[in-house]
Amino acid sequence: MSGRSAESPPEVREHRFTDDGRVPNSELPLLVYPGALGADARDPARCKAFFETNGWSGAWTDGVFSYHHYHSTSHEVLGVIGGEASVTFGGESGETLRVGAGDVVVIPAGVGHKNAGASPDFTVVGAYPEGRSWDILTGEPGERPEALENIKNVPLPEKDPLFGESGPLTERWNREGFTGGVV
């Protein structure tokens, strides 16, 4: 299986965040695919295998840290396989979104995220395009120069984590003409 087959395009919501001085964020939009995981993909092993099929690997199962953080060396996909949470994206002045079981969120490199409150059963599967190495940064001043350089050099994923080569991510991020960098 190379991706989900869809008779009609999935609903995808875009959210954009600008540099807030601590969290660099990205020129690329954060993408939310509400309810996109099929019921069978809510099993951790199946969700990991599904992302892997579409080139997103290095998967793990856990929650989302309760402090603002971002990754400067990779984009990240989160598949919510249980519970629900309020997750703040974009740093302190960002936007808090409610996510629940079945939702998928694709976070561009540099975009901050923080668990702002969750049900006890909130669980996600996270993965990275082509199994890229990831880091965890918190917006400390000494991190910034290297983080900005790293983000600028993160390549676009070859595939959408759910739909493969012709999914919303590849369509929307390529439409941006993005070649790297932050806002």
N, C-alpha and C. Protein backbone atom coordinates (compact mmCIF):
# COMPACT_ATOMS: atom_id res chain seq x y z
N MET A 1 0.85 -1.17 0.00
CA MET A 1 0.00 0.00 0.00
C MET A 1 0.89 1.23 0.00
N SER A 2 0.73 2.13 -0.97
CA SER A 2 1.58 3.31 -1.05
C SER A 2 0.91 4.54 -0.49
N GLY A 3 -0.33 4.46 -0.13
CA GLY A 3 -1.04 5.60 0.44
C GLY A 3 -2.51 5.29 0.49
N ARG A 4 -3.25 6.14 1.15
CA ARG A 4 -4.69 5.95 1.24
C ARG A 4 -5.31 6.26 -0.11
N SER A 5 -6.31 5.50 -0.48
CA SER A 5 -7.04 5.85 -1.68
C SER A 5 -8.19 6.74 -1.25
N ALA A 6 -8.42 7.78 -1.97
CA ALA A 6 -9.47 8.73 -1.60
C ALA A 6 -10.30 9.04 -2.83
N GLU A 7 -11.61 8.82 -2.70
CA GLU A 7 -12.50 9.15 -3.81
C GLU A 7 -12.71 10.65 -3.89
N SER A 8 -12.64 11.32 -2.75
CA SER A 8 -12.70 12.78 -2.74
C SER A 8 -11.53 13.26 -1.90
N PRO A 9 -11.02 14.43 -2.21
CA PRO A 9 -9.87 14.93 -1.44
C PRO A 9 -10.22 15.06 0.04
N PRO A 10 -9.27 14.74 0.90
CA PRO A 10 -9.53 14.85 2.34
C PRO A 10 -9.60 16.31 2.76
N GLU A 11 -10.30 16.55 3.86
CA GLU A 11 -10.28 17.88 4.44
C GLU A 11 -8.91 18.09 5.06
N VAL A 12 -8.29 19.19 4.75
CA VAL A 12 -7.00 19.54 5.33
C VAL A 12 -7.05 21.00 5.71
N ARG A 13 -6.69 21.28 6.94
CA ARG A 13 -6.67 22.66 7.43
C ARG A 13 -5.24 23.14 7.53
N GLU A 14 -4.99 24.35 7.05
CA GLU A 14 -3.66 24.95 7.11
C GLU A 14 -3.61 25.99 8.22
N HIS A 15 -2.49 26.02 8.92
CA HIS A 15 -2.25 27.03 9.95
C HIS A 15 -0.83 27.55 9.75
N ARG A 16 -0.69 28.86 9.81
CA ARG A 16 0.62 29.49 9.58
C ARG A 16 1.05 30.26 10.82
N PHE A 17 2.34 30.20 11.08
CA PHE A 17 2.89 30.85 12.26
C PHE A 17 4.17 31.60 11.87
N THR A 18 4.32 32.79 12.42
CA THR A 18 5.52 33.58 12.15
C THR A 18 6.49 33.47 13.31
N ASP A 19 7.71 33.81 13.06
CA ASP A 19 8.77 33.81 14.05
C ASP A 19 8.35 34.69 15.23
N ASP A 20 8.39 34.14 16.44
CA ASP A 20 8.00 34.93 17.61
C ASP A 20 9.20 35.38 18.43
N GLY A 21 10.41 35.23 17.86
CA GLY A 21 11.61 35.63 18.57
C GLY A 21 12.26 34.49 19.35
N ARG A 22 11.47 33.50 19.75
CA ARG A 22 12.00 32.30 20.42
C ARG A 22 11.85 31.07 19.54
N VAL A 23 10.64 30.93 18.96
CA VAL A 23 10.36 29.80 18.08
C VAL A 23 10.35 30.34 16.66
N PRO A 24 11.23 29.83 15.78
CA PRO A 24 11.33 30.39 14.44
C PRO A 24 10.11 30.14 13.56
N ASN A 25 9.41 29.02 13.75
CA ASN A 25 8.29 28.62 12.91
C ASN A 25 8.74 28.43 11.47
N SER A 26 7.85 28.57 10.49
CA SER A 26 8.21 28.19 9.13
C SER A 26 7.39 28.94 8.10
N GLU A 27 7.92 29.00 6.89
CA GLU A 27 7.15 29.51 5.75
C GLU A 27 6.07 28.51 5.35
N LEU A 28 6.28 27.24 5.66
CA LEU A 28 5.33 26.19 5.31
C LEU A 28 4.18 26.15 6.30
N PRO A 29 2.98 25.84 5.82
CA PRO A 29 1.86 25.73 6.75
C PRO A 29 1.86 24.41 7.50
N LEU A 30 1.46 24.45 8.76
CA LEU A 30 1.15 23.24 9.51
C LEU A 30 -0.13 22.69 8.89
N LEU A 31 -0.21 21.39 8.71
CA LEU A 31 -1.38 20.77 8.10
C LEU A 31 -2.07 19.86 9.09
N VAL A 32 -3.40 20.00 9.21
CA VAL A 32 -4.21 19.14 10.07
C VAL A 32 -5.19 18.39 9.18
N TYR A 33 -5.18 17.06 9.28
CA TYR A 33 -6.08 16.18 8.55
C TYR A 33 -7.08 15.62 9.57
N PRO A 34 -8.23 16.29 9.78
CA PRO A 34 -9.16 15.82 10.80
C PRO A 34 -9.73 14.43 10.47
N GLY A 35 -9.69 13.53 11.44
CA GLY A 35 -10.27 12.21 11.29
C GLY A 35 -9.72 11.37 10.17
N ALA A 36 -8.50 11.66 9.71
CA ALA A 36 -7.97 11.00 8.51
C ALA A 36 -7.51 9.56 8.73
N LEU A 37 -7.20 9.19 9.96
CA LEU A 37 -6.77 7.82 10.20
C LEU A 37 -7.99 6.91 10.22
N GLY A 38 -7.94 5.86 9.47
CA GLY A 38 -8.99 4.86 9.57
C GLY A 38 -8.93 4.20 10.93
N ALA A 39 -10.01 3.58 11.36
CA ALA A 39 -10.05 2.95 12.68
C ALA A 39 -8.93 1.94 12.86
N ASP A 40 -8.59 1.19 11.82
CA ASP A 40 -7.54 0.19 11.94
C ASP A 40 -6.16 0.82 12.09
N ALA A 41 -5.98 2.04 11.61
CA ALA A 41 -4.69 2.71 11.71
C ALA A 41 -4.48 3.34 13.08
N ARG A 42 -5.48 3.25 13.97
CA ARG A 42 -5.33 3.79 15.31
C ARG A 42 -4.56 2.83 16.23
N ASP A 43 -4.27 1.65 15.73
CA ASP A 43 -3.41 0.71 16.44
C ASP A 43 -1.98 1.19 16.22
N PRO A 44 -1.17 1.30 17.30
CA PRO A 44 0.19 1.86 17.12
C PRO A 44 1.01 1.16 16.04
N ALA A 45 1.01 -0.17 16.03
CA ALA A 45 1.82 -0.89 15.04
C ALA A 45 1.33 -0.63 13.63
N ARG A 46 0.03 -0.59 13.44
CA ARG A 46 -0.52 -0.34 12.10
C ARG A 46 -0.25 1.10 11.66
N CYS A 47 -0.38 2.04 12.59
CA CYS A 47 -0.11 3.44 12.24
C CYS A 47 1.35 3.62 11.86
N LYS A 48 2.26 3.03 12.63
CA LYS A 48 3.69 3.11 12.31
C LYS A 48 3.96 2.51 10.93
N ALA A 49 3.36 1.34 10.67
CA ALA A 49 3.57 0.67 9.37
C ALA A 49 3.00 1.52 8.24
N PHE A 50 1.87 2.16 8.49
CA PHE A 50 1.25 3.00 7.48
C PHE A 50 2.14 4.19 7.13
N PHE A 51 2.65 4.89 8.14
CA PHE A 51 3.56 6.00 7.89
C PHE A 51 4.81 5.50 7.16
N GLU A 52 5.34 4.37 7.60
CA GLU A 52 6.55 3.79 6.99
C GLU A 52 6.33 3.52 5.50
N THR A 53 5.14 3.02 5.16
CA THR A 53 4.81 2.74 3.75
C THR A 53 4.94 4.00 2.91
N ASN A 54 4.67 5.15 3.51
CA ASN A 54 4.71 6.42 2.80
C ASN A 54 6.01 7.19 3.04
N GLY A 55 7.04 6.50 3.52
CA GLY A 55 8.35 7.11 3.64
C GLY A 55 8.59 7.89 4.91
N TRP A 56 7.71 7.79 5.90
CA TRP A 56 7.89 8.48 7.18
C TRP A 56 8.23 7.42 8.22
N SER A 57 9.45 7.45 8.73
CA SER A 57 9.92 6.38 9.61
C SER A 57 10.53 6.95 10.89
N GLY A 58 11.22 6.08 11.63
CA GLY A 58 11.75 6.49 12.94
C GLY A 58 10.62 6.69 13.93
N ALA A 59 9.53 5.94 13.76
CA ALA A 59 8.30 6.15 14.53
C ALA A 59 8.44 5.80 16.00
N TRP A 60 7.65 6.48 16.79
CA TRP A 60 7.58 6.28 18.24
C TRP A 60 6.12 6.44 18.66
N THR A 61 5.77 5.96 19.84
CA THR A 61 4.42 6.11 20.39
C THR A 61 4.54 6.72 21.77
N ASP A 62 3.82 7.83 22.01
CA ASP A 62 3.87 8.52 23.30
C ASP A 62 2.85 9.66 23.26
N GLY A 63 3.14 10.74 23.96
CA GLY A 63 2.31 11.94 23.95
C GLY A 63 3.08 13.08 23.33
N VAL A 64 2.70 14.30 23.68
CA VAL A 64 3.40 15.51 23.22
C VAL A 64 3.90 16.21 24.47
N PHE A 65 5.16 16.65 24.45
CA PHE A 65 5.74 17.32 25.62
C PHE A 65 4.87 18.49 26.08
N SER A 66 4.87 18.74 27.39
CA SER A 66 4.06 19.81 27.96
C SER A 66 4.83 21.14 28.03
N TYR A 67 5.83 21.30 27.18
CA TYR A 67 6.56 22.56 27.08
C TYR A 67 6.75 22.86 25.59
N HIS A 68 6.90 24.15 25.27
CA HIS A 68 7.11 24.54 23.88
C HIS A 68 8.46 23.99 23.40
N HIS A 69 8.42 23.34 22.26
CA HIS A 69 9.64 22.81 21.65
C HIS A 69 9.42 22.74 20.15
N TYR A 70 10.51 22.57 19.43
CA TYR A 70 10.44 22.42 17.98
C TYR A 70 11.63 21.60 17.51
N HIS A 71 11.57 21.18 16.27
CA HIS A 71 12.64 20.39 15.67
C HIS A 71 13.24 21.20 14.53
N SER A 72 14.55 21.34 14.54
CA SER A 72 15.20 22.15 13.49
C SER A 72 15.77 21.28 12.37
N THR A 73 15.77 19.97 12.56
CA THR A 73 16.41 19.09 11.58
C THR A 73 15.44 18.21 10.82
N SER A 74 14.15 18.29 11.13
CA SER A 74 13.18 17.45 10.44
C SER A 74 11.77 17.98 10.61
N HIS A 75 10.94 17.68 9.62
CA HIS A 75 9.50 17.84 9.75
C HIS A 75 9.02 16.66 10.58
N GLU A 76 7.77 16.70 11.07
CA GLU A 76 7.25 15.62 11.91
C GLU A 76 5.78 15.40 11.61
N VAL A 77 5.34 14.14 11.64
CA VAL A 77 3.92 13.83 11.54
C VAL A 77 3.49 13.24 12.88
N LEU A 78 2.30 13.63 13.34
CA LEU A 78 1.70 13.05 14.54
C LEU A 78 0.36 12.46 14.14
N GLY A 79 0.18 11.19 14.38
CA GLY A 79 -1.10 10.53 14.18
C GLY A 79 -1.70 10.26 15.55
N VAL A 80 -2.86 10.86 15.83
CA VAL A 80 -3.49 10.70 17.14
C VAL A 80 -4.22 9.36 17.14
N ILE A 81 -3.74 8.44 17.98
CA ILE A 81 -4.33 7.10 18.01
C ILE A 81 -5.21 6.86 19.24
N GLY A 82 -5.25 7.83 20.15
CA GLY A 82 -6.10 7.70 21.31
C GLY A 82 -6.30 9.02 22.02
N GLY A 83 -7.48 9.19 22.61
CA GLY A 83 -7.77 10.37 23.41
C GLY A 83 -7.85 11.66 22.62
N GLU A 84 -7.70 12.76 23.35
CA GLU A 84 -7.74 14.09 22.74
C GLU A 84 -6.88 15.04 23.55
N ALA A 85 -6.50 16.14 22.91
CA ALA A 85 -5.64 17.12 23.57
C ALA A 85 -5.82 18.49 22.95
N SER A 86 -5.45 19.49 23.72
CA SER A 86 -5.27 20.84 23.21
C SER A 86 -3.77 21.00 23.03
N VAL A 87 -3.35 21.27 21.80
CA VAL A 87 -1.93 21.43 21.51
C VAL A 87 -1.72 22.84 20.98
N THR A 88 -0.80 23.56 21.61
CA THR A 88 -0.47 24.91 21.16
C THR A 88 0.66 24.79 20.14
N PHE A 89 0.42 25.32 18.95
CA PHE A 89 1.40 25.32 17.88
C PHE A 89 1.87 26.75 17.65
N GLY A 90 3.14 26.93 17.31
CA GLY A 90 3.66 28.25 16.96
C GLY A 90 4.32 29.02 18.07
N GLY A 91 4.45 28.43 19.27
CA GLY A 91 5.08 29.12 20.38
C GLY A 91 4.07 29.81 21.28
N GLU A 92 4.58 30.62 22.20
CA GLU A 92 3.74 31.29 23.19
C GLU A 92 2.58 32.08 22.57
N SER A 93 2.84 32.73 21.44
CA SER A 93 1.79 33.54 20.81
C SER A 93 1.11 32.79 19.66
N GLY A 94 1.24 31.47 19.66
CA GLY A 94 0.67 30.66 18.59
C GLY A 94 -0.82 30.42 18.76
N GLU A 95 -1.28 29.28 18.27
CA GLU A 95 -2.69 28.93 18.27
C GLU A 95 -2.87 27.55 18.90
N THR A 96 -3.85 27.44 19.79
CA THR A 96 -4.15 26.16 20.42
C THR A 96 -5.25 25.47 19.63
N LEU A 97 -4.95 24.25 19.19
CA LEU A 97 -5.89 23.45 18.41
C LEU A 97 -6.27 22.22 19.20
N ARG A 98 -7.51 21.81 19.07
CA ARG A 98 -7.99 20.58 19.69
C ARG A 98 -7.79 19.45 18.69
N VAL A 99 -7.12 18.38 19.08
CA VAL A 99 -6.93 17.21 18.23
C VAL A 99 -7.45 15.99 18.98
N GLY A 100 -7.92 15.00 18.21
CA GLY A 100 -8.45 13.80 18.83
C GLY A 100 -8.15 12.58 17.99
N ALA A 101 -8.51 11.42 18.53
CA ALA A 101 -8.23 10.15 17.88
C ALA A 101 -8.67 10.19 16.43
N GLY A 102 -7.76 9.79 15.55
CA GLY A 102 -8.01 9.77 14.11
C GLY A 102 -7.43 10.96 13.38
N ASP A 103 -7.08 12.03 14.09
CA ASP A 103 -6.51 13.21 13.45
C ASP A 103 -5.03 13.00 13.16
N VAL A 104 -4.55 13.67 12.11
CA VAL A 104 -3.13 13.66 11.76
C VAL A 104 -2.68 15.10 11.62
N VAL A 105 -1.51 15.42 12.17
CA VAL A 105 -0.95 16.76 12.09
C VAL A 105 0.46 16.65 11.51
N VAL A 106 0.75 17.43 10.47
CA VAL A 106 2.10 17.49 9.91
C VAL A 106 2.70 18.83 10.32
N ILE A 107 3.82 18.74 11.05
CA ILE A 107 4.46 19.91 11.63
C ILE A 107 5.74 20.21 10.86
N PRO A 108 5.81 21.36 10.19
CA PRO A 108 7.05 21.72 9.49
C PRO A 108 8.20 21.95 10.48
N ALA A 109 9.41 21.69 10.05
CA ALA A 109 10.59 21.98 10.87
C ALA A 109 10.52 23.44 11.33
N GLY A 110 10.81 23.65 12.60
CA GLY A 110 10.82 25.00 13.16
C GLY A 110 9.53 25.41 13.83
N VAL A 111 8.43 24.68 13.62
CA VAL A 111 7.14 25.07 14.21
C VAL A 111 7.04 24.49 15.62
N GLY A 112 6.83 25.38 16.58
CA GLY A 112 6.72 24.98 17.98
C GLY A 112 5.43 24.22 18.25
N HIS A 113 5.49 23.33 19.24
CA HIS A 113 4.31 22.61 19.68
C HIS A 113 4.44 22.25 21.16
N LYS A 114 3.27 22.24 21.84
CA LYS A 114 3.23 22.01 23.28
C LYS A 114 1.88 21.43 23.65
N ASN A 115 1.87 20.38 24.45
CA ASN A 115 0.63 19.82 24.99
C ASN A 115 0.12 20.81 26.04
N ALA A 116 -1.05 21.38 25.78
CA ALA A 116 -1.62 22.36 26.70
C ALA A 116 -2.73 21.74 27.55
N GLY A 117 -2.85 20.42 27.52
CA GLY A 117 -3.85 19.71 28.31
C GLY A 117 -4.42 18.57 27.50
N ALA A 118 -4.49 17.39 28.11
CA ALA A 118 -4.92 16.21 27.36
C ALA A 118 -5.69 15.25 28.24
N SER A 119 -6.48 14.41 27.59
CA SER A 119 -7.15 13.32 28.30
C SER A 119 -6.08 12.30 28.71
N PRO A 120 -6.35 11.51 29.75
CA PRO A 120 -5.35 10.55 30.21
C PRO A 120 -4.93 9.53 29.15
N ASP A 121 -5.78 9.27 28.16
CA ASP A 121 -5.47 8.27 27.14
C ASP A 121 -4.91 8.88 25.86
N PHE A 122 -4.55 10.17 25.90
CA PHE A 122 -4.01 10.82 24.70
C PHE A 122 -2.71 10.15 24.30
N THR A 123 -2.67 9.65 23.06
CA THR A 123 -1.49 8.95 22.54
C THR A 123 -1.33 9.29 21.06
N VAL A 124 -0.09 9.52 20.66
CA VAL A 124 0.21 9.78 19.26
C VAL A 124 1.31 8.84 18.79
N VAL A 125 1.32 8.62 17.48
CA VAL A 125 2.46 8.00 16.80
C VAL A 125 3.12 9.13 16.04
N GLY A 126 4.41 9.33 16.27
CA GLY A 126 5.17 10.35 15.55
C GLY A 126 6.16 9.69 14.62
N ALA A 127 6.46 10.35 13.51
CA ALA A 127 7.44 9.84 12.55
C ALA A 127 8.02 11.01 11.76
N TYR A 128 9.07 10.71 10.99
CA TYR A 128 9.84 11.74 10.28
C TYR A 128 10.07 11.31 8.84
N PRO A 129 10.04 12.26 7.89
CA PRO A 129 10.23 11.87 6.48
C PRO A 129 11.61 11.26 6.26
N GLU A 130 11.58 10.13 5.55
CA GLU A 130 12.81 9.40 5.24
C GLU A 130 13.62 9.10 6.50
N GLY A 131 12.95 9.01 7.66
CA GLY A 131 13.63 8.68 8.91
C GLY A 131 14.66 9.68 9.35
N ARG A 132 14.49 10.94 8.96
CA ARG A 132 15.47 11.98 9.30
C ARG A 132 15.73 12.04 10.80
N SER A 133 16.93 12.39 11.15
CA SER A 133 17.27 12.62 12.56
C SER A 133 16.57 13.89 13.02
N TRP A 134 16.17 13.91 14.26
CA TRP A 134 15.47 15.08 14.80
C TRP A 134 16.16 15.52 16.09
N ASP A 135 15.92 16.75 16.43
CA ASP A 135 16.45 17.32 17.67
C ASP A 135 15.27 17.90 18.44
N ILE A 136 15.50 18.34 19.64
CA ILE A 136 14.48 19.01 20.44
C ILE A 136 15.07 20.32 20.92
N LEU A 137 14.50 21.42 20.45
CA LEU A 137 14.95 22.75 20.84
C LEU A 137 13.80 23.47 21.55
N THR A 138 14.15 24.38 22.45
CA THR A 138 13.12 25.05 23.26
C THR A 138 13.10 26.57 23.10
N GLY A 139 13.89 27.08 22.19
CA GLY A 139 13.88 28.52 21.95
C GLY A 139 14.87 29.30 22.78
N GLU A 140 15.87 28.62 23.31
CA GLU A 140 16.91 29.32 24.06
C GLU A 140 17.75 30.14 23.08
N PRO A 141 18.19 31.34 23.47
CA PRO A 141 18.93 32.21 22.55
C PRO A 141 20.14 31.56 21.90
N GLY A 142 20.91 30.75 22.62
CA GLY A 142 22.10 30.13 22.07
C GLY A 142 21.80 29.10 20.98
N GLU A 143 20.56 28.60 20.94
CA GLU A 143 20.19 27.60 19.93
C GLU A 143 19.94 28.23 18.56
N ARG A 144 19.53 29.46 18.56
CA ARG A 144 18.94 30.09 17.38
C ARG A 144 19.82 30.08 16.13
N PRO A 145 21.08 30.52 16.17
CA PRO A 145 21.85 30.56 14.93
C PRO A 145 21.93 29.20 14.22
N GLU A 146 22.24 28.15 14.98
CA GLU A 146 22.34 26.82 14.37
C GLU A 146 20.96 26.33 13.93
N ALA A 147 19.93 26.60 14.74
CA ALA A 147 18.57 26.17 14.40
C ALA A 147 18.11 26.79 13.08
N LEU A 148 18.35 28.06 12.90
CA LEU A 148 17.94 28.73 11.66
C LEU A 148 18.65 28.12 10.45
N GLU A 149 19.91 27.81 10.60
CA GLU A 149 20.67 27.19 9.51
C GLU A 149 20.14 25.78 9.23
N ASN A 150 19.87 25.03 10.29
CA ASN A 150 19.33 23.67 10.12
C ASN A 150 17.99 23.70 9.38
N ILE A 151 17.09 24.55 9.82
CA ILE A 151 15.75 24.62 9.22
C ILE A 151 15.84 24.95 7.75
N LYS A 152 16.73 25.87 7.42
CA LYS A 152 16.91 26.27 6.03
C LYS A 152 17.31 25.09 5.15
N ASN A 153 17.97 24.09 5.73
CA ASN A 153 18.48 22.97 4.97
C ASN A 153 17.63 21.70 5.03
N VAL A 154 16.49 21.75 5.69
CA VAL A 154 15.61 20.58 5.75
C VAL A 154 14.88 20.44 4.41
N PRO A 155 15.05 19.31 3.73
CA PRO A 155 14.37 19.15 2.43
C PRO A 155 12.88 18.88 2.58
N LEU A 156 12.14 19.15 1.52
CA LEU A 156 10.73 18.79 1.49
C LEU A 156 10.59 17.27 1.50
N PRO A 157 9.57 16.76 2.17
CA PRO A 157 9.34 15.31 2.11
C PRO A 157 8.99 14.89 0.69
N GLU A 158 9.39 13.68 0.33
CA GLU A 158 9.05 13.16 -0.99
C GLU A 158 7.60 12.72 -1.06
N LYS A 159 7.00 12.37 0.10
CA LYS A 159 5.63 11.85 0.11
C LYS A 159 4.83 12.43 1.27
N ASP A 160 3.55 12.53 1.04
CA ASP A 160 2.58 12.84 2.09
C ASP A 160 2.52 11.61 3.00
N PRO A 161 2.46 11.79 4.34
CA PRO A 161 2.49 10.62 5.22
C PRO A 161 1.26 9.72 5.10
N LEU A 162 0.16 10.22 4.56
CA LEU A 162 -1.05 9.41 4.40
C LEU A 162 -1.33 9.02 2.96
N PHE A 163 -1.05 9.91 2.02
CA PHE A 163 -1.48 9.72 0.64
C PHE A 163 -0.34 9.50 -0.34
N GLY A 164 0.86 9.40 0.15
CA GLY A 164 1.98 9.11 -0.73
C GLY A 164 2.39 10.28 -1.60
N GLU A 165 2.75 9.97 -2.85
CA GLU A 165 3.34 10.97 -3.74
C GLU A 165 2.40 12.09 -4.16
N SER A 166 1.10 11.86 -4.15
CA SER A 166 0.18 12.88 -4.65
C SER A 166 -0.78 13.39 -3.58
N GLY A 167 -0.32 13.44 -2.35
CA GLY A 167 -1.19 13.87 -1.27
C GLY A 167 -1.20 15.37 -1.05
N PRO A 168 -2.05 15.81 -0.12
CA PRO A 168 -2.16 17.24 0.19
C PRO A 168 -0.85 17.89 0.59
N LEU A 169 -0.01 17.19 1.35
CA LEU A 169 1.25 17.79 1.77
C LEU A 169 2.13 18.10 0.57
N THR A 170 2.33 17.14 -0.30
CA THR A 170 3.22 17.38 -1.45
C THR A 170 2.62 18.45 -2.35
N GLU A 171 1.32 18.43 -2.51
CA GLU A 171 0.67 19.45 -3.36
C GLU A 171 0.79 20.84 -2.75
N ARG A 172 0.47 20.97 -1.48
CA ARG A 172 0.46 22.30 -0.85
C ARG A 172 1.86 22.84 -0.58
N TRP A 173 2.77 21.99 -0.11
CA TRP A 173 4.11 22.48 0.18
C TRP A 173 4.88 22.76 -1.10
N ASN A 174 4.69 21.97 -2.13
CA ASN A 174 5.35 22.26 -3.41
C ASN A 174 4.77 23.50 -4.06
N ARG A 175 3.48 23.73 -3.88
CA ARG A 175 2.82 24.92 -4.42
C ARG A 175 3.45 26.18 -3.83
N GLU A 176 3.93 26.07 -2.61
CA GLU A 176 4.53 27.22 -1.94
C GLU A 176 5.84 27.64 -2.59
N GLY A 177 6.42 26.76 -3.44
CA GLY A 177 7.72 27.07 -4.02
C GLY A 177 8.81 27.04 -2.98
N PHE A 178 8.57 26.34 -1.91
CA PHE A 178 9.49 26.28 -0.77
C PHE A 178 10.76 25.53 -1.14
N THR A 179 11.88 26.08 -0.77
CA THR A 179 13.15 25.36 -0.93
C THR A 179 13.91 25.31 0.39
N GLY A 180 13.35 25.89 1.42
CA GLY A 180 13.99 25.87 2.74
C GLY A 180 13.90 27.24 3.37
N GLY A 181 14.06 27.30 4.66
CA GLY A 181 14.08 28.58 5.37
C GLY A 181 12.90 28.77 6.29
N VAL A 182 12.96 29.85 7.04
CA VAL A 182 11.91 30.20 7.99
C VAL A 182 11.44 31.60 7.70
N VAL A 183 10.32 31.94 8.32
CA VAL A 183 9.77 33.28 8.15
C VAL A 183 10.64 34.29 8.88
